[in-house]
Amino acid sequence: MTHDHWHCRCNITRWVDDHFPGVVECRLSDRFGREWIFVEKVAVVTTAPIDPDGAFPQPAFIACEVISWGHDESGRRTARINTEKPWDIKSLDEVSEFQVYAEQLIHPRGIEDSNSG
């Protein structure tokens, strides 16, 4: 079992609240095509200067832990992730575990620094 800090790509789709430092809506698509909605502080999902009048969507990342690696029916590499670690992030549906494609993930030490499997 892999317990390592990663970032999953998502998109900021709109500004939600001006409460400092700003709150945005993010959308993450899982490997099955389902779109999950998160509402989070700007600074938690991006270091880019996002503001209410900016253009959307904007790229962002949700920190996560990779629970396991696998492959789908066509051999494409997948990952089961948990967004509760490290920053206790959950979707609006209170879901924190997702199956995504490996290419949606970025490792803080670099994209090539992943487990082979």
N, C-alpha and C. Protein backbone atom coordinates (compact mmCIF):
# COMPACT_ATOMS: atom_id res chain seq x y z
N MET A 1 0.84 -1.17 0.00
CA MET A 1 0.00 0.00 0.00
C MET A 1 0.89 1.25 0.00
N THR A 2 0.57 2.19 -0.85
CA THR A 2 1.33 3.43 -0.96
C THR A 2 0.63 4.52 -0.16
N HIS A 3 1.36 5.14 0.74
CA HIS A 3 0.82 6.30 1.47
C HIS A 3 1.80 7.43 1.24
N ASP A 4 1.54 8.21 0.21
CA ASP A 4 2.47 9.24 -0.21
C ASP A 4 1.67 10.46 -0.64
N HIS A 5 2.21 11.62 -0.43
CA HIS A 5 1.55 12.89 -0.73
C HIS A 5 1.66 13.19 -2.23
N TRP A 6 0.53 13.39 -2.88
CA TRP A 6 0.44 13.72 -4.30
C TRP A 6 -0.50 14.90 -4.47
N HIS A 7 -0.64 15.37 -5.71
CA HIS A 7 -1.62 16.39 -6.07
C HIS A 7 -2.40 15.89 -7.27
N CYS A 8 -3.73 16.01 -7.19
CA CYS A 8 -4.59 15.60 -8.30
C CYS A 8 -5.08 16.84 -9.04
N ARG A 9 -4.94 16.81 -10.35
CA ARG A 9 -5.37 17.95 -11.17
C ARG A 9 -6.89 18.14 -11.09
N CYS A 10 -7.30 19.38 -11.03
CA CYS A 10 -8.71 19.74 -11.07
C CYS A 10 -8.82 21.12 -11.71
N ASN A 11 -10.01 21.66 -11.78
CA ASN A 11 -10.23 22.99 -12.34
C ASN A 11 -11.02 23.85 -11.39
N ILE A 12 -10.58 25.09 -11.21
CA ILE A 12 -11.37 26.07 -10.49
C ILE A 12 -12.40 26.59 -11.49
N THR A 13 -13.68 26.45 -11.15
CA THR A 13 -14.74 26.81 -12.09
C THR A 13 -15.44 28.12 -11.76
N ARG A 14 -15.33 28.56 -10.49
CA ARG A 14 -15.95 29.84 -10.15
C ARG A 14 -15.49 30.30 -8.78
N TRP A 15 -15.63 31.60 -8.57
CA TRP A 15 -15.35 32.23 -7.28
C TRP A 15 -16.61 32.08 -6.44
N VAL A 16 -16.47 31.64 -5.19
CA VAL A 16 -17.63 31.39 -4.34
C VAL A 16 -17.82 32.48 -3.29
N ASP A 17 -16.72 32.91 -2.64
CA ASP A 17 -16.84 33.82 -1.51
C ASP A 17 -15.57 34.65 -1.37
N ASP A 18 -15.76 35.91 -0.97
CA ASP A 18 -14.62 36.82 -0.77
C ASP A 18 -13.95 36.66 0.59
N HIS A 19 -14.52 35.85 1.46
CA HIS A 19 -13.92 35.67 2.79
C HIS A 19 -12.46 35.30 2.63
N PHE A 20 -11.57 36.07 3.28
CA PHE A 20 -10.12 35.90 3.12
C PHE A 20 -9.71 34.45 3.34
N PRO A 21 -8.91 33.86 2.48
CA PRO A 21 -8.20 34.41 1.32
C PRO A 21 -8.97 34.25 0.01
N GLY A 22 -10.25 33.97 0.09
CA GLY A 22 -11.08 33.70 -1.07
C GLY A 22 -11.43 32.23 -1.13
N VAL A 23 -12.65 31.94 -1.55
CA VAL A 23 -13.13 30.57 -1.62
C VAL A 23 -13.59 30.32 -3.05
N VAL A 24 -13.21 29.17 -3.59
CA VAL A 24 -13.53 28.82 -4.98
C VAL A 24 -14.18 27.45 -5.07
N GLU A 25 -14.86 27.24 -6.18
CA GLU A 25 -15.41 25.93 -6.50
C GLU A 25 -14.44 25.22 -7.44
N CYS A 26 -14.12 23.98 -7.12
CA CYS A 26 -13.23 23.16 -7.97
C CYS A 26 -13.99 21.92 -8.41
N ARG A 27 -13.62 21.44 -9.59
CA ARG A 27 -14.23 20.21 -10.11
C ARG A 27 -13.14 19.23 -10.50
N LEU A 28 -13.31 18.01 -10.04
CA LEU A 28 -12.39 16.92 -10.32
C LEU A 28 -13.18 15.83 -11.05
N SER A 29 -12.66 15.34 -12.16
CA SER A 29 -13.29 14.24 -12.88
C SER A 29 -12.57 12.94 -12.56
N ASP A 30 -13.35 11.93 -12.16
CA ASP A 30 -12.73 10.64 -11.86
C ASP A 30 -12.58 9.82 -13.14
N ARG A 31 -12.03 8.63 -13.04
CA ARG A 31 -11.76 7.82 -14.24
C ARG A 31 -13.03 7.28 -14.88
N PHE A 32 -14.15 7.40 -14.20
CA PHE A 32 -15.42 6.93 -14.74
C PHE A 32 -16.20 8.07 -15.41
N GLY A 33 -15.63 9.29 -15.38
CA GLY A 33 -16.27 10.44 -16.00
C GLY A 33 -17.16 11.23 -15.07
N ARG A 34 -17.27 10.81 -13.81
CA ARG A 34 -18.08 11.57 -12.86
C ARG A 34 -17.31 12.81 -12.41
N GLU A 35 -18.03 13.91 -12.34
CA GLU A 35 -17.43 15.16 -11.91
C GLU A 35 -17.79 15.41 -10.45
N TRP A 36 -16.77 15.63 -9.62
CA TRP A 36 -16.94 15.88 -8.20
C TRP A 36 -16.68 17.35 -7.91
N ILE A 37 -17.50 17.97 -7.07
CA ILE A 37 -17.38 19.38 -6.78
C ILE A 37 -16.84 19.57 -5.36
N PHE A 38 -15.87 20.47 -5.25
CA PHE A 38 -15.25 20.84 -3.98
C PHE A 38 -15.35 22.34 -3.82
N VAL A 39 -15.52 22.82 -2.60
CA VAL A 39 -15.45 24.25 -2.31
C VAL A 39 -14.32 24.41 -1.30
N GLU A 40 -13.31 25.17 -1.70
CA GLU A 40 -12.08 25.23 -0.88
C GLU A 40 -11.47 26.62 -0.97
N LYS A 41 -10.61 26.94 0.01
CA LYS A 41 -9.87 28.20 -0.01
C LYS A 41 -8.91 28.21 -1.20
N VAL A 42 -8.79 29.35 -1.84
CA VAL A 42 -7.92 29.50 -3.01
C VAL A 42 -6.52 28.98 -2.71
N ALA A 43 -5.94 29.38 -1.59
CA ALA A 43 -4.56 29.03 -1.26
C ALA A 43 -4.34 27.53 -1.06
N VAL A 44 -5.41 26.78 -0.85
CA VAL A 44 -5.29 25.33 -0.66
C VAL A 44 -5.16 24.62 -2.01
N VAL A 45 -5.71 25.20 -3.08
CA VAL A 45 -5.73 24.52 -4.37
C VAL A 45 -4.83 25.13 -5.45
N THR A 46 -4.29 26.32 -5.20
CA THR A 46 -3.40 26.93 -6.19
C THR A 46 -2.53 28.01 -5.56
N THR A 47 -1.40 28.25 -6.19
CA THR A 47 -0.55 29.38 -5.79
C THR A 47 -0.71 30.52 -6.78
N ALA A 48 -1.51 30.33 -7.81
CA ALA A 48 -1.75 31.36 -8.83
C ALA A 48 -2.60 32.49 -8.24
N PRO A 49 -2.43 33.70 -8.75
CA PRO A 49 -3.22 34.83 -8.27
C PRO A 49 -4.63 34.81 -8.87
N ILE A 50 -5.56 34.17 -8.18
CA ILE A 50 -6.95 34.05 -8.62
C ILE A 50 -7.78 35.12 -7.90
N ASP A 51 -8.70 35.76 -8.64
CA ASP A 51 -9.57 36.73 -8.00
C ASP A 51 -10.98 36.60 -8.58
N PRO A 52 -11.97 37.24 -7.95
CA PRO A 52 -13.37 37.07 -8.37
C PRO A 52 -13.64 37.48 -9.81
N ASP A 53 -12.86 38.42 -10.34
CA ASP A 53 -13.09 38.91 -11.69
C ASP A 53 -12.27 38.17 -12.75
N GLY A 54 -11.54 37.16 -12.32
CA GLY A 54 -10.69 36.41 -13.24
C GLY A 54 -11.48 35.51 -14.18
N ALA A 55 -10.79 35.03 -15.19
CA ALA A 55 -11.41 34.11 -16.14
C ALA A 55 -11.40 32.70 -15.55
N PHE A 56 -12.47 31.98 -15.77
CA PHE A 56 -12.57 30.59 -15.30
C PHE A 56 -12.97 29.72 -16.47
N PRO A 57 -12.56 28.44 -16.52
CA PRO A 57 -11.85 27.70 -15.46
C PRO A 57 -10.35 28.02 -15.41
N GLN A 58 -9.76 27.71 -14.24
CA GLN A 58 -8.33 27.84 -14.01
C GLN A 58 -7.82 26.51 -13.47
N PRO A 59 -6.60 26.09 -13.88
CA PRO A 59 -6.06 24.84 -13.36
C PRO A 59 -5.76 24.94 -11.87
N ALA A 60 -5.95 23.83 -11.17
CA ALA A 60 -5.68 23.76 -9.74
C ALA A 60 -5.30 22.33 -9.38
N PHE A 61 -4.98 22.12 -8.12
CA PHE A 61 -4.58 20.80 -7.64
C PHE A 61 -5.16 20.56 -6.26
N ILE A 62 -5.63 19.36 -6.02
CA ILE A 62 -6.10 18.96 -4.70
C ILE A 62 -5.09 17.98 -4.13
N ALA A 63 -4.55 18.29 -2.97
CA ALA A 63 -3.59 17.39 -2.32
C ALA A 63 -4.30 16.08 -1.95
N CYS A 64 -3.57 14.99 -2.08
CA CYS A 64 -4.16 13.69 -1.80
C CYS A 64 -3.10 12.68 -1.42
N GLU A 65 -3.57 11.54 -1.00
CA GLU A 65 -2.71 10.39 -0.71
C GLU A 65 -3.09 9.30 -1.70
N VAL A 66 -2.10 8.67 -2.31
CA VAL A 66 -2.37 7.53 -3.18
C VAL A 66 -2.48 6.29 -2.30
N ILE A 67 -3.63 5.65 -2.36
CA ILE A 67 -3.87 4.45 -1.57
C ILE A 67 -3.37 3.22 -2.30
N SER A 68 -3.63 3.17 -3.62
CA SER A 68 -3.17 2.03 -4.41
C SER A 68 -3.11 2.41 -5.88
N TRP A 69 -2.32 1.64 -6.62
CA TRP A 69 -2.17 1.79 -8.06
C TRP A 69 -2.80 0.57 -8.72
N GLY A 70 -3.28 0.77 -9.94
CA GLY A 70 -3.86 -0.34 -10.69
C GLY A 70 -3.89 0.00 -12.17
N HIS A 71 -4.68 -0.78 -12.89
CA HIS A 71 -4.88 -0.56 -14.33
C HIS A 71 -6.34 -0.82 -14.65
N ASP A 72 -6.88 -0.08 -15.61
CA ASP A 72 -8.25 -0.34 -16.03
C ASP A 72 -8.28 -1.48 -17.04
N GLU A 73 -9.45 -1.75 -17.58
CA GLU A 73 -9.64 -2.88 -18.51
C GLU A 73 -8.79 -2.76 -19.76
N SER A 74 -8.43 -1.53 -20.16
CA SER A 74 -7.63 -1.33 -21.36
C SER A 74 -6.13 -1.25 -21.06
N GLY A 75 -5.76 -1.39 -19.77
CA GLY A 75 -4.36 -1.33 -19.39
C GLY A 75 -3.87 0.05 -18.98
N ARG A 76 -4.74 1.01 -18.98
CA ARG A 76 -4.37 2.38 -18.59
C ARG A 76 -4.16 2.43 -17.08
N ARG A 77 -3.10 3.07 -16.66
CA ARG A 77 -2.73 3.12 -15.24
C ARG A 77 -3.71 3.99 -14.45
N THR A 78 -4.14 3.49 -13.30
CA THR A 78 -5.09 4.18 -12.44
C THR A 78 -4.54 4.30 -11.01
N ALA A 79 -5.20 5.13 -10.22
CA ALA A 79 -4.84 5.26 -8.82
C ALA A 79 -6.11 5.46 -8.00
N ARG A 80 -6.13 4.86 -6.83
CA ARG A 80 -7.18 5.12 -5.85
C ARG A 80 -6.59 6.13 -4.88
N ILE A 81 -7.25 7.30 -4.75
CA ILE A 81 -6.71 8.38 -3.92
C ILE A 81 -7.66 8.74 -2.79
N ASN A 82 -7.10 9.38 -1.76
CA ASN A 82 -7.88 9.88 -0.64
C ASN A 82 -7.50 11.35 -0.43
N THR A 83 -8.48 12.23 -0.51
CA THR A 83 -8.21 13.66 -0.35
C THR A 83 -8.32 14.14 1.10
N GLU A 84 -8.65 13.24 2.02
CA GLU A 84 -8.67 13.64 3.43
C GLU A 84 -7.26 13.89 3.95
N LYS A 85 -6.31 13.21 3.35
CA LYS A 85 -4.91 13.42 3.75
C LYS A 85 -4.21 14.12 2.60
N PRO A 86 -3.49 15.15 2.81
CA PRO A 86 -3.05 15.65 4.11
C PRO A 86 -3.92 16.77 4.69
N TRP A 87 -4.90 17.33 3.93
CA TRP A 87 -5.55 18.57 4.36
C TRP A 87 -7.05 18.45 4.60
N ASP A 88 -7.56 17.25 4.81
CA ASP A 88 -8.96 17.04 5.16
C ASP A 88 -9.93 17.65 4.14
N ILE A 89 -9.70 17.38 2.88
CA ILE A 89 -10.55 17.90 1.80
C ILE A 89 -11.57 16.83 1.40
N LYS A 90 -12.84 17.24 1.30
CA LYS A 90 -13.92 16.35 0.86
C LYS A 90 -14.77 17.07 -0.18
N SER A 91 -15.40 16.29 -1.04
CA SER A 91 -16.32 16.87 -2.02
C SER A 91 -17.57 17.37 -1.29
N LEU A 92 -18.41 18.11 -2.01
CA LEU A 92 -19.66 18.58 -1.43
C LEU A 92 -20.54 17.41 -0.99
N ASP A 93 -20.33 16.24 -1.60
CA ASP A 93 -21.06 15.03 -1.23
C ASP A 93 -20.42 14.31 -0.05
N GLU A 94 -19.40 14.93 0.56
CA GLU A 94 -18.67 14.34 1.69
C GLU A 94 -17.87 13.10 1.30
N VAL A 95 -17.47 13.02 0.04
CA VAL A 95 -16.66 11.90 -0.45
C VAL A 95 -15.21 12.33 -0.49
N SER A 96 -14.32 11.43 -0.09
CA SER A 96 -12.89 11.76 -0.09
C SER A 96 -12.04 10.69 -0.79
N GLU A 97 -12.65 9.64 -1.28
CA GLU A 97 -11.90 8.59 -1.97
C GLU A 97 -12.38 8.50 -3.42
N PHE A 98 -11.41 8.53 -4.34
CA PHE A 98 -11.73 8.57 -5.77
C PHE A 98 -10.80 7.67 -6.55
N GLN A 99 -11.24 7.22 -7.71
CA GLN A 99 -10.38 6.52 -8.65
C GLN A 99 -10.13 7.44 -9.82
N VAL A 100 -8.85 7.70 -10.09
CA VAL A 100 -8.45 8.62 -11.15
C VAL A 100 -7.42 7.95 -12.04
N TYR A 101 -7.12 8.58 -13.16
CA TYR A 101 -6.03 8.10 -14.01
C TYR A 101 -4.72 8.64 -13.48
N ALA A 102 -3.68 7.85 -13.61
CA ALA A 102 -2.36 8.23 -13.10
C ALA A 102 -1.88 9.57 -13.66
N GLU A 103 -2.22 9.87 -14.89
CA GLU A 103 -1.75 11.14 -15.48
C GLU A 103 -2.43 12.37 -14.87
N GLN A 104 -3.45 12.17 -14.06
CA GLN A 104 -4.07 13.29 -13.35
C GLN A 104 -3.27 13.68 -12.12
N LEU A 105 -2.29 12.86 -11.75
CA LEU A 105 -1.54 13.07 -10.52
C LEU A 105 -0.17 13.68 -10.78
N ILE A 106 0.22 14.55 -9.87
CA ILE A 106 1.55 15.16 -9.89
C ILE A 106 2.17 14.90 -8.53
N HIS A 107 3.41 14.44 -8.53
CA HIS A 107 4.12 14.24 -7.27
C HIS A 107 4.92 15.49 -6.96
N PRO A 108 4.95 15.94 -5.71
CA PRO A 108 5.70 17.15 -5.38
C PRO A 108 7.18 17.10 -5.79
N ARG A 109 7.75 15.90 -5.87
CA ARG A 109 9.15 15.78 -6.27
C ARG A 109 9.31 15.70 -7.78
N GLY A 110 8.21 15.73 -8.50
CA GLY A 110 8.26 15.69 -9.96
C GLY A 110 7.37 14.60 -10.51
N ILE A 111 6.86 14.83 -11.69
CA ILE A 111 5.90 13.91 -12.30
C ILE A 111 6.49 12.53 -12.59
N GLU A 112 7.77 12.45 -12.82
CA GLU A 112 8.39 11.16 -13.12
C GLU A 112 8.68 10.33 -11.89
N ASP A 113 8.48 10.89 -10.70
CA ASP A 113 8.81 10.21 -9.46
C ASP A 113 7.61 9.43 -8.94
N SER A 114 7.12 8.50 -9.72
CA SER A 114 5.97 7.71 -9.31
C SER A 114 6.36 6.24 -9.21
N ASN A 115 5.48 5.48 -8.55
CA ASN A 115 5.73 4.04 -8.42
C ASN A 115 5.49 3.38 -9.76
N SER A 116 6.31 2.44 -10.11
CA SER A 116 6.04 1.69 -11.35
C SER A 116 5.07 0.60 -11.00
N GLY A 117 4.10 0.42 -11.82
CA GLY A 117 3.13 -0.62 -11.51
C GLY A 117 2.08 -0.59 -12.45
